[in-house]
N, C-alpha and C. Protein backbone atom coordinates (compact mmCIF):
# COMPACT_ATOMS: atom_id res chain seq x y z
N MET A 1 93.74 142.94 14.93
CA MET A 1 95.02 142.66 14.34
C MET A 1 95.26 141.16 14.12
N PRO A 2 94.67 140.27 14.89
CA PRO A 2 94.91 138.85 14.64
C PRO A 2 94.49 138.42 13.23
N ALA A 3 93.46 139.07 12.69
CA ALA A 3 93.02 138.71 11.34
C ALA A 3 94.10 139.05 10.32
N PHE A 4 94.83 140.14 10.55
CA PHE A 4 95.90 140.52 9.64
C PHE A 4 96.99 139.44 9.63
N GLY A 5 97.31 138.90 10.79
CA GLY A 5 98.30 137.81 10.87
C GLY A 5 97.84 136.58 10.12
N GLN A 6 96.54 136.30 10.15
CA GLN A 6 96.01 135.15 9.43
C GLN A 6 96.13 135.36 7.93
N ILE A 7 95.96 136.59 7.47
CA ILE A 7 96.11 136.89 6.05
C ILE A 7 97.55 136.63 5.61
N ILE A 8 98.50 137.08 6.42
CA ILE A 8 99.92 136.88 6.09
C ILE A 8 100.24 135.39 6.04
N LYS A 9 99.76 134.64 7.02
CA LYS A 9 100.00 133.19 7.04
C LYS A 9 99.37 132.52 5.82
N SER A 10 98.16 132.92 5.48
CA SER A 10 97.48 132.34 4.32
C SER A 10 98.24 132.63 3.03
N MET A 11 98.74 133.84 2.90
CA MET A 11 99.50 134.20 1.71
C MET A 11 100.78 133.38 1.61
N PHE A 12 101.45 133.17 2.76
CA PHE A 12 102.66 132.36 2.77
C PHE A 12 102.34 130.93 2.35
N ILE A 13 101.28 130.36 2.90
CA ILE A 13 100.90 128.99 2.56
C ILE A 13 100.62 128.85 1.07
N LEU A 14 99.92 129.82 0.50
CA LEU A 14 99.63 129.77 -0.94
C LEU A 14 100.91 129.88 -1.76
N ARG A 15 101.85 130.75 -1.35
CA ARG A 15 103.14 130.85 -2.04
C ARG A 15 103.92 129.55 -1.91
N TYR A 16 103.88 128.95 -0.71
CA TYR A 16 104.59 127.70 -0.46
C TYR A 16 104.07 126.59 -1.37
N ILE A 17 102.76 126.52 -1.53
CA ILE A 17 102.16 125.50 -2.38
C ILE A 17 102.51 125.75 -3.84
N ASP A 18 102.56 127.00 -4.24
CA ASP A 18 102.73 127.36 -5.64
C ASP A 18 104.18 127.31 -6.12
N GLN A 19 105.14 127.61 -5.26
CA GLN A 19 106.53 127.78 -5.69
C GLN A 19 107.42 126.61 -5.28
N VAL A 20 107.88 125.87 -6.27
CA VAL A 20 108.75 124.73 -6.02
C VAL A 20 110.06 125.18 -5.37
N GLU A 21 110.60 126.29 -5.84
CA GLU A 21 111.88 126.79 -5.31
C GLU A 21 111.78 127.12 -3.83
N LEU A 22 110.67 127.69 -3.42
CA LEU A 22 110.47 128.02 -2.01
C LEU A 22 110.43 126.76 -1.16
N ARG A 23 109.70 125.75 -1.63
CA ARG A 23 109.64 124.48 -0.89
C ARG A 23 111.02 123.84 -0.78
N GLN A 24 111.78 123.89 -1.86
CA GLN A 24 113.12 123.30 -1.85
C GLN A 24 114.04 124.05 -0.90
N ALA A 25 113.97 125.38 -0.90
CA ALA A 25 114.81 126.18 -0.02
C ALA A 25 114.48 125.89 1.45
N ILE A 26 113.20 125.80 1.76
CA ILE A 26 112.80 125.50 3.14
C ILE A 26 113.24 124.09 3.51
N GLY A 27 113.09 123.15 2.59
CA GLY A 27 113.53 121.78 2.84
C GLY A 27 115.02 121.70 3.13
N LYS A 28 115.83 122.46 2.38
CA LYS A 28 117.27 122.47 2.60
C LYS A 28 117.60 123.01 3.99
N GLN A 29 116.92 124.07 4.40
CA GLN A 29 117.17 124.64 5.73
C GLN A 29 116.77 123.67 6.83
N LEU A 30 115.64 122.98 6.64
CA LEU A 30 115.22 122.01 7.64
C LEU A 30 116.22 120.87 7.76
N LEU A 31 116.79 120.42 6.63
CA LEU A 31 117.80 119.37 6.68
C LEU A 31 119.04 119.84 7.42
N LYS A 32 119.43 121.11 7.22
CA LYS A 32 120.59 121.65 7.95
C LYS A 32 120.34 121.63 9.45
N ILE A 33 119.14 122.00 9.85
CA ILE A 33 118.80 122.03 11.28
C ILE A 33 118.81 120.62 11.85
N GLU A 34 118.22 119.67 11.11
CA GLU A 34 118.20 118.28 11.57
C GLU A 34 119.61 117.74 11.70
N LEU A 35 120.47 118.07 10.73
CA LEU A 35 121.86 117.61 10.79
C LEU A 35 122.58 118.21 11.99
N ALA A 36 122.32 119.47 12.27
CA ALA A 36 122.95 120.12 13.43
C ALA A 36 122.51 119.44 14.73
N HIS A 37 121.23 119.13 14.85
CA HIS A 37 120.74 118.45 16.05
C HIS A 37 121.34 117.05 16.16
N PHE A 38 121.42 116.35 15.04
CA PHE A 38 122.00 115.01 15.04
C PHE A 38 123.46 115.07 15.45
N THR A 39 124.20 116.02 14.87
CA THR A 39 125.62 116.16 15.19
C THR A 39 125.82 116.50 16.66
N LEU A 40 124.99 117.38 17.19
CA LEU A 40 125.08 117.73 18.60
C LEU A 40 124.84 116.51 19.48
N ALA A 41 123.84 115.71 19.15
CA ALA A 41 123.54 114.52 19.95
C ALA A 41 124.70 113.53 19.93
N VAL A 42 125.36 113.42 18.81
CA VAL A 42 126.47 112.47 18.69
C VAL A 42 127.72 113.00 19.36
N THR A 43 128.03 114.28 19.16
CA THR A 43 129.29 114.83 19.69
C THR A 43 129.25 115.03 21.20
N VAL A 44 128.09 115.20 21.77
CA VAL A 44 128.00 115.38 23.22
C VAL A 44 128.32 114.07 23.92
N GLY A 45 128.20 112.97 23.22
CA GLY A 45 128.53 111.68 23.80
C GLY A 45 127.33 110.98 24.40
N ASN A 46 126.16 111.41 24.03
CA ASN A 46 124.95 110.77 24.51
C ASN A 46 124.82 109.42 23.79
N PRO A 47 124.97 108.31 24.52
CA PRO A 47 124.92 107.01 23.85
C PRO A 47 123.57 106.74 23.16
N ARG A 48 122.52 107.39 23.60
CA ARG A 48 121.23 107.19 22.98
C ARG A 48 120.92 108.29 21.96
N GLY A 49 121.88 109.18 21.73
CA GLY A 49 121.69 110.30 20.82
C GLY A 49 121.37 109.88 19.41
N ILE A 50 122.04 108.83 18.94
CA ILE A 50 121.80 108.37 17.58
C ILE A 50 120.38 107.81 17.47
N GLU A 51 119.99 107.01 18.44
CA GLU A 51 118.64 106.45 18.41
C GLU A 51 117.60 107.56 18.43
N ARG A 52 117.79 108.54 19.30
CA ARG A 52 116.82 109.63 19.40
C ARG A 52 116.78 110.45 18.11
N ALA A 53 117.94 110.75 17.54
CA ALA A 53 117.99 111.51 16.30
C ALA A 53 117.28 110.76 15.18
N GLU A 54 117.45 109.45 15.13
CA GLU A 54 116.79 108.67 14.10
C GLU A 54 115.27 108.67 14.31
N MET A 55 114.84 108.56 15.57
CA MET A 55 113.40 108.58 15.85
C MET A 55 112.81 109.94 15.49
N ASP A 56 113.51 111.02 15.84
CA ASP A 56 113.02 112.36 15.52
C ASP A 56 112.93 112.55 14.01
N ALA A 57 113.92 112.03 13.29
CA ALA A 57 113.91 112.17 11.82
C ALA A 57 112.72 111.43 11.22
N ARG A 58 112.37 110.30 11.80
CA ARG A 58 111.22 109.55 11.28
C ARG A 58 109.91 110.27 11.56
N ARG A 59 109.86 110.96 12.70
CA ARG A 59 108.61 111.65 13.09
C ARG A 59 108.40 112.95 12.33
N SER A 60 109.48 113.62 11.92
CA SER A 60 109.34 114.93 11.30
C SER A 60 108.73 114.81 9.91
N PRO A 61 107.84 115.75 9.58
CA PRO A 61 107.21 115.70 8.27
C PRO A 61 108.21 116.03 7.17
N ARG A 62 108.05 115.39 6.05
CA ARG A 62 108.93 115.63 4.91
C ARG A 62 108.34 116.74 4.05
N VAL A 63 109.21 117.50 3.45
CA VAL A 63 108.78 118.60 2.58
C VAL A 63 108.58 118.05 1.18
N ALA A 64 107.43 118.34 0.61
CA ALA A 64 107.13 117.87 -0.74
C ALA A 64 107.96 118.67 -1.75
N THR A 65 108.51 117.97 -2.71
CA THR A 65 109.30 118.65 -3.75
C THR A 65 108.62 118.58 -5.09
N ALA A 66 107.34 118.31 -5.10
CA ALA A 66 106.50 118.26 -6.30
C ALA A 66 107.11 117.38 -7.27
């Protein structure tokens, strides 16, 4: 069964590479998640939250929009 999972992953990767709309949709969702994490770090009152959120944002890979 592990080989079947690899087929599904491979098909997703090929669709991701081929479809601009899919990449954009995933990119939008990732930005929402990053914003939620940033907002949580700031609203909790962690004085280093902004620095950490900025470092995490720099480390995270960017989604290509072709």
